[in-house]
Amino acid sequence: MPRGLTARYRILAMPQSLALVIVHVIFSTHDRDPVLSHPTRHDLHAYLATRARLTGCECYCAGGVSDHMHLAVRLSRTVTVAKLVEELKTSSSKWLKTQSPNLKLFSWQSGYGAFSVGPSDLPALRRYIQTQETHHAKHSFQDEFRGVVEEVWGGVRRAVCVGLIGNLCRAFSPWDCGGP
């Protein structure tokens, strides 16, 4: 630096809020009843992706089987996971009731699972969601969800279930699912 000059520090204000939060969302039908037929599921996946986008989020993939759904979603910086899931489940439940007389009493289970995913893991998550039919020919939903929880929490023996997929906590026995 030339003699006599002093450095000036500038504090740059961030002109906008930025976020890249990708979540794997899982929720099931009430009592995990297998009530979602194949044609209904196809339309439901499109409906859920559209509703996620209407909240300002980006739905990378939606899929599932007759008793539960999976979504890979990038959260908007202004939307919480709870608000997103509430919107998805409430609106899709109302929509499903109009699709078939068999779904007139349809409802989702009260809980859900939401797990953060790194951008580099998104392609694998998309493949996983897209191959749910094949996956569930070999694995039950309970085994699948237990595997997701064990992968995310890496062998932690205590899970806070707080209504996650209803009675799924029984599948974790002897884990303590009573809360923190």
C-alpha atoms as a PDB file:
ATOM      1  CA  MET A   1       0.000   0.000   0.000  1.00  0.00           C
ATOM      2  CA  PRO A   2       1.420   3.422  -0.901  1.00  0.00           C
ATOM      3  CA  ARG A   3       2.613   5.524   2.005  1.00  0.00           C
ATOM      4  CA  GLY A   4       0.032   7.804   3.611  1.00  0.00           C
ATOM      5  CA  LEU A   5      -3.024   5.843   2.436  1.00  0.00           C
ATOM      6  CA  THR A   6      -5.159   4.018   4.931  1.00  0.00           C
ATOM      7  CA  ALA A   7      -7.459   1.138   4.240  1.00  0.00           C
ATOM      8  CA  ARG A   8     -11.147   1.778   4.566  1.00  0.00           C
ATOM      9  CA  TYR A   9     -13.456  -0.991   5.589  1.00  0.00           C
ATOM     10  CA  ARG A  10     -16.839  -1.141   3.974  1.00  0.00           C
ATOM     11  CA  ILE A  11     -19.671  -3.074   5.462  1.00  0.00           C
ATOM     12  CA  LEU A  12     -21.731  -4.450   2.644  1.00  0.00           C
ATOM     13  CA  ALA A  13     -25.391  -4.950   3.336  1.00  0.00           C
ATOM     14  CA  MET A  14     -26.895  -8.103   1.923  1.00  0.00           C
ATOM     15  CA  PRO A  15     -29.523  -6.866  -0.524  1.00  0.00           C
ATOM     16  CA  GLN A  16     -31.761  -9.910  -0.110  1.00  0.00           C
ATOM     17  CA  SER A  17     -32.350 -12.984   1.990  1.00  0.00           C
ATOM     18  CA  LEU A  18     -31.012 -16.202   0.523  1.00  0.00           C
ATOM     19  CA  ALA A  19     -31.787 -19.766   1.525  1.00  0.00           C
ATOM     20  CA  LEU A  20     -31.305 -23.232   0.096  1.00  0.00           C
ATOM     21  CA  VAL A  21     -33.158 -25.605   2.383  1.00  0.00           C
ATOM     22  CA  ILE A  22     -34.206 -28.903   0.836  1.00  0.00           C
ATOM     23  CA  VAL A  23     -36.446 -31.241   2.820  1.00  0.00           C
ATOM     24  CA  HIS A  24     -37.655 -34.788   2.352  1.00  0.00           C
ATOM     25  CA  VAL A  25     -41.263 -34.742   3.558  1.00  0.00           C
ATOM     26  CA  ILE A  26     -43.135 -37.963   4.361  1.00  0.00           C
ATOM     27  CA  PHE A  27     -46.739 -38.320   5.516  1.00  0.00           C
ATOM     28  CA  SER A  28     -49.261 -41.134   5.509  1.00  0.00           C
ATOM     29  CA  THR A  29     -52.947 -41.771   5.163  1.00  0.00           C
ATOM     30  CA  HIS A  30     -55.018 -42.057   8.329  1.00  0.00           C
ATOM     31  CA  ASP A  31     -54.149 -45.353  10.053  1.00  0.00           C
ATOM     32  CA  ARG A  32     -51.933 -46.010   7.018  1.00  0.00           C
ATOM     33  CA  ASP A  33     -54.977 -47.285   5.137  1.00  0.00           C
ATOM     34  CA  PRO A  34     -53.980 -48.211   1.551  1.00  0.00           C
ATOM     35  CA  VAL A  35     -56.745 -46.143  -0.073  1.00  0.00           C
ATOM     36  CA  LEU A  36     -54.855 -44.272  -2.802  1.00  0.00           C
ATOM     37  CA  SER A  37     -55.277 -46.116  -6.110  1.00  0.00           C
ATOM     38  CA  HIS A  38     -52.614 -45.916  -8.787  1.00  0.00           C
ATOM     39  CA  PRO A  39     -54.498 -43.437 -11.062  1.00  0.00           C
ATOM     40  CA  THR A  40     -55.413 -41.272  -8.057  1.00  0.00           C
ATOM     41  CA  ARG A  41     -51.783 -41.236  -6.872  1.00  0.00           C
ATOM     42  CA  HIS A  42     -50.531 -40.012 -10.233  1.00  0.00           C
ATOM     43  CA  ASP A  43     -52.913 -37.049 -10.097  1.00  0.00           C
ATOM     44  CA  LEU A  44     -52.171 -36.516  -6.390  1.00  0.00           C
ATOM     45  CA  HIS A  45     -48.418 -36.244  -7.042  1.00  0.00           C
ATOM     46  CA  ALA A  46     -49.068 -33.493  -9.601  1.00  0.00           C
ATOM     47  CA  TYR A  47     -51.514 -31.786  -7.237  1.00  0.00           C
ATOM     48  CA  LEU A  48     -49.028 -31.811  -4.326  1.00  0.00           C
ATOM     49  CA  ALA A  49     -46.209 -30.457  -6.511  1.00  0.00           C
ATOM     50  CA  THR A  50     -48.462 -27.644  -7.735  1.00  0.00           C
ATOM     51  CA  ARG A  51     -49.623 -26.752  -4.199  1.00  0.00           C
ATOM     52  CA  ALA A  52     -46.002 -26.657  -2.999  1.00  0.00           C
ATOM     53  CA  ARG A  53     -45.143 -24.260  -5.835  1.00  0.00           C
ATOM     54  CA  LEU A  54     -48.127 -22.076  -4.981  1.00  0.00           C
ATOM     55  CA  THR A  55     -46.667 -21.601  -1.484  1.00  0.00           C
ATOM     56  CA  GLY A  56     -43.457 -20.292  -3.075  1.00  0.00           C
ATOM     57  CA  CYS A  57     -41.543 -23.555  -2.621  1.00  0.00           C
ATOM     58  CA  GLU A  58     -40.055 -25.694  -5.381  1.00  0.00           C
ATOM     59  CA  CYS A  59     -41.174 -29.318  -5.494  1.00  0.00           C
ATOM     60  CA  TYR A  60     -38.427 -31.345  -7.148  1.00  0.00           C
ATOM     61  CA  CYS A  61     -40.308 -34.630  -6.899  1.00  0.00           C
ATOM     62  CA  ALA A  62     -43.524 -36.075  -5.455  1.00  0.00           C
ATOM     63  CA  GLY A  63     -44.334 -39.748  -5.207  1.00  0.00           C
ATOM     64  CA  GLY A  64     -45.600 -42.487  -3.004  1.00  0.00           C
ATOM     65  CA  VAL A  65     -47.751 -45.567  -2.736  1.00  0.00           C
ATOM     66  CA  SER A  66     -51.262 -46.401  -1.580  1.00  0.00           C
ATOM     67  CA  ASP A  67     -50.699 -45.388   2.047  1.00  0.00           C
ATOM     68  CA  HIS A  68     -48.118 -42.577   2.106  1.00  0.00           C
ATOM     69  CA  MET A  69     -46.447 -39.774   0.161  1.00  0.00           C
ATOM     70  CA  HIS A  70     -42.872 -38.517  -0.248  1.00  0.00           C
ATOM     71  CA  LEU A  71     -41.859 -35.079  -1.491  1.00  0.00           C
ATOM     72  CA  ALA A  72     -38.496 -33.453  -2.160  1.00  0.00           C
ATOM     73  CA  VAL A  73     -39.056 -29.729  -1.649  1.00  0.00           C
ATOM     74  CA  ARG A  74     -36.870 -26.620  -1.563  1.00  0.00           C
ATOM     75  CA  LEU A  75     -38.413 -24.365   1.041  1.00  0.00           C
ATOM     76  CA  SER A  76     -39.123 -20.752   0.268  1.00  0.00           C
ATOM     77  CA  ARG A  77     -37.223 -18.492   2.646  1.00  0.00           C
ATOM     78  CA  THR A  78     -40.566 -17.368   4.122  1.00  0.00           C
ATOM     79  CA  VAL A  79     -42.290 -20.739   4.555  1.00  0.00           C
ATOM     80  CA  THR A  80     -41.795 -23.090   7.498  1.00  0.00           C
ATOM     81  CA  VAL A  81     -41.920 -26.857   7.161  1.00  0.00           C
ATOM     82  CA  ALA A  82     -45.003 -26.941   9.387  1.00  0.00           C
ATOM     83  CA  LYS A  83     -46.866 -24.394   7.232  1.00  0.00           C
ATOM     84  CA  LEU A  84     -45.912 -26.206   4.026  1.00  0.00           C
ATOM     85  CA  VAL A  85     -47.079 -29.582   5.317  1.00  0.00           C
ATOM     86  CA  GLU A  86     -50.274 -28.083   6.725  1.00  0.00           C
ATOM     87  CA  GLU A  87     -51.065 -26.550   3.321  1.00  0.00           C
ATOM     88  CA  LEU A  88     -50.229 -29.736   1.423  1.00  0.00           C
ATOM     89  CA  LYS A  89     -52.227 -32.035   3.668  1.00  0.00           C
ATOM     90  CA  THR A  90     -55.246 -29.750   4.136  1.00  0.00           C
ATOM     91  CA  SER A  91     -55.695 -28.855   0.484  1.00  0.00           C
ATOM     92  CA  SER A  92     -54.980 -32.355  -0.844  1.00  0.00           C
ATOM     93  CA  SER A  93     -57.376 -33.933   1.647  1.00  0.00           C
ATOM     94  CA  LYS A  94     -60.169 -31.640   0.435  1.00  0.00           C
ATOM     95  CA  TRP A  95     -59.222 -32.301  -3.194  1.00  0.00           C
ATOM     96  CA  LEU A  96     -59.073 -36.096  -2.750  1.00  0.00           C
ATOM     97  CA  LYS A  97     -62.589 -36.138  -1.278  1.00  0.00           C
ATOM     98  CA  THR A  98     -63.871 -34.794  -4.614  1.00  0.00           C
ATOM     99  CA  GLN A  99     -62.064 -37.425  -6.703  1.00  0.00           C
ATOM    100  CA  SER A 100     -64.001 -40.563  -5.758  1.00  0.00           C
ATOM    101  CA  PRO A 101     -66.935 -41.641  -3.600  1.00  0.00           C
ATOM    102  CA  ASN A 102     -64.486 -44.094  -1.966  1.00  0.00           C
ATOM    103  CA  LEU A 103     -62.433 -41.120  -0.722  1.00  0.00           C
ATOM    104  CA  LYS A 104     -65.342 -39.139   0.715  1.00  0.00           C
ATOM    105  CA  LEU A 105     -64.050 -39.683   4.277  1.00  0.00           C
ATOM    106  CA  PHE A 106     -60.348 -39.434   3.389  1.00  0.00           C
ATOM    107  CA  SER A 107     -57.870 -37.912   5.824  1.00  0.00           C
ATOM    108  CA  TRP A 108     -54.125 -37.851   6.382  1.00  0.00           C
ATOM    109  CA  GLN A 109     -52.450 -39.019   9.585  1.00  0.00           C
ATOM    110  CA  SER A 110     -51.818 -36.095  11.939  1.00  0.00           C
ATOM    111  CA  GLY A 111     -48.008 -36.325  11.957  1.00  0.00           C
ATOM    112  CA  TYR A 112     -45.280 -36.150   9.340  1.00  0.00           C
ATOM    113  CA  GLY A 113     -41.565 -36.578   8.895  1.00  0.00           C
ATOM    114  CA  ALA A 114     -39.335 -33.858   7.468  1.00  0.00           C
ATOM    115  CA  PHE A 115     -35.608 -34.362   7.015  1.00  0.00           C
ATOM    116  CA  SER A 116     -33.045 -31.963   5.594  1.00  0.00           C
ATOM    117  CA  VAL A 117     -31.197 -33.045   2.467  1.00  0.00           C
ATOM    118  CA  GLY A 118     -28.014 -31.606   1.008  1.00  0.00           C
ATOM    119  CA  PRO A 119     -28.052 -30.461  -2.632  1.00  0.00           C
ATOM    120  CA  SER A 120     -25.614 -33.212  -3.609  1.00  0.00           C
ATOM    121  CA  ASP A 121     -28.071 -35.830  -2.240  1.00  0.00           C
ATOM    122  CA  LEU A 122     -31.044 -34.524  -4.230  1.00  0.00           C
ATOM    123  CA  PRO A 123     -30.550 -36.826  -7.279  1.00  0.00           C
ATOM    124  CA  ALA A 124     -30.520 -39.908  -5.021  1.00  0.00           C
ATOM    125  CA  LEU A 125     -33.622 -38.680  -3.171  1.00  0.00           C
ATOM    126  CA  ARG A 126     -35.440 -38.114  -6.452  1.00  0.00           C
ATOM    127  CA  ARG A 127     -34.595 -41.660  -7.608  1.00  0.00           C
ATOM    128  CA  TYR A 128     -35.761 -43.016  -4.254  1.00  0.00           C
ATOM    129  CA  ILE A 129     -39.105 -41.198  -4.485  1.00  0.00           C
ATOM    130  CA  GLN A 130     -39.603 -42.192  -8.128  1.00  0.00           C
ATOM    131  CA  THR A 131     -39.073 -45.887  -7.319  1.00  0.00           C
ATOM    132  CA  GLN A 132     -41.460 -46.166  -4.374  1.00  0.00           C
ATOM    133  CA  GLU A 133     -43.594 -48.850  -6.048  1.00  0.00           C
ATOM    134  CA  THR A 134     -40.575 -51.129  -6.479  1.00  0.00           C
ATOM    135  CA  HIS A 135     -39.213 -50.284  -3.047  1.00  0.00           C
ATOM    136  CA  HIS A 136     -42.474 -51.158  -1.284  1.00  0.00           C
ATOM    137  CA  ALA A 137     -42.743 -54.496  -3.032  1.00  0.00           C
ATOM    138  CA  LYS A 138     -39.923 -55.502  -0.633  1.00  0.00           C
ATOM    139  CA  HIS A 139     -40.171 -53.142   2.381  1.00  0.00           C
ATOM    140  CA  SER A 140     -43.070 -52.027   4.583  1.00  0.00           C
ATOM    141  CA  PHE A 141     -43.699 -48.370   5.309  1.00  0.00           C
ATOM    142  CA  GLN A 142     -42.701 -48.924   8.951  1.00  0.00           C
ATOM    143  CA  ASP A 143     -39.368 -50.454   7.914  1.00  0.00           C
ATOM    144  CA  GLU A 144     -38.813 -47.668   5.414  1.00  0.00           C
ATOM    145  CA  PHE A 145     -39.512 -44.884   7.914  1.00  0.00           C
ATOM    146  CA  ARG A 146     -37.381 -46.577  10.575  1.00  0.00           C
ATOM    147  CA  GLY A 147     -34.541 -46.712   8.032  1.00  0.00           C
ATOM    148  CA  VAL A 148     -34.898 -43.009   7.218  1.00  0.00           C
ATOM    149  CA  VAL A 149     -34.846 -42.069  10.902  1.00  0.00           C
ATOM    150  CA  GLU A 150     -31.860 -44.313  11.626  1.00  0.00           C
ATOM    151  CA  GLU A 151     -29.982 -42.892   8.627  1.00  0.00           C
ATOM    152  CA  VAL A 152     -30.708 -39.299   9.610  1.00  0.00           C
ATOM    153  CA  TRP A 153     -30.021 -39.737  13.318  1.00  0.00           C
ATOM    154  CA  GLY A 154     -27.316 -42.382  12.907  1.00  0.00           C
ATOM    155  CA  GLY A 155     -28.239 -44.871  15.588  1.00  0.00           C
ATOM    156  CA  VAL A 156     -29.603 -42.422  18.137  1.00  0.00           C
ATOM    157  CA  ARG A 157     -31.653 -44.450  20.620  1.00  0.00           C
ATOM    158  CA  ARG A 158     -34.094 -41.650  21.433  1.00  0.00           C
ATOM    159  CA  ALA A 159     -36.527 -40.230  18.892  1.00  0.00           C
ATOM    160  CA  VAL A 160     -38.969 -37.413  19.363  1.00  0.00           C
ATOM    161  CA  CYS A 161     -41.983 -38.780  17.571  1.00  0.00           C
ATOM    162  CA  VAL A 162     -44.565 -36.085  18.416  1.00  0.00           C
ATOM    163  CA  GLY A 163     -47.202 -37.726  16.272  1.00  0.00           C
ATOM    164  CA  LEU A 164     -44.855 -38.839  13.487  1.00  0.00           C
ATOM    165  CA  ILE A 165     -46.919 -41.026  11.231  1.00  0.00           C
ATOM    166  CA  GLY A 166     -49.323 -41.900  14.015  1.00  0.00           C
ATOM    167  CA  ASN A 167     -48.599 -45.143  15.809  1.00  0.00           C
ATOM    168  CA  LEU A 168     -45.236 -45.590  14.120  1.00  0.00           C
ATOM    169  CA  CYS A 169     -43.569 -45.044  17.482  1.00  0.00           C
ATOM    170  CA  ARG A 170     -44.461 -48.645  18.345  1.00  0.00           C
ATOM    171  CA  ALA A 171     -42.224 -49.745  15.487  1.00  0.00           C
ATOM    172  CA  PHE A 172     -39.267 -48.091  17.245  1.00  0.00           C
ATOM    173  CA  SER A 173     -39.641 -50.043  20.456  1.00  0.00           C
ATOM    174  CA  PRO A 174     -37.693 -50.020  22.735  1.00  0.00           C
ATOM    175  CA  TRP A 175     -36.926 -46.414  21.741  1.00  0.00           C
ATOM    176  CA  ASP A 176     -38.391 -43.795  24.036  1.00  0.00           C
ATOM    177  CA  CYS A 177     -40.784 -41.834  21.846  1.00  0.00           C
ATOM    178  CA  GLY A 178     -42.326 -39.830  24.643  1.00  0.00           C
ATOM    179  CA  GLY A 179     -40.562 -36.588  23.750  1.00  0.00           C
ATOM    180  CA  PRO A 180     -37.397 -34.740  24.748  1.00  0.00           C
END
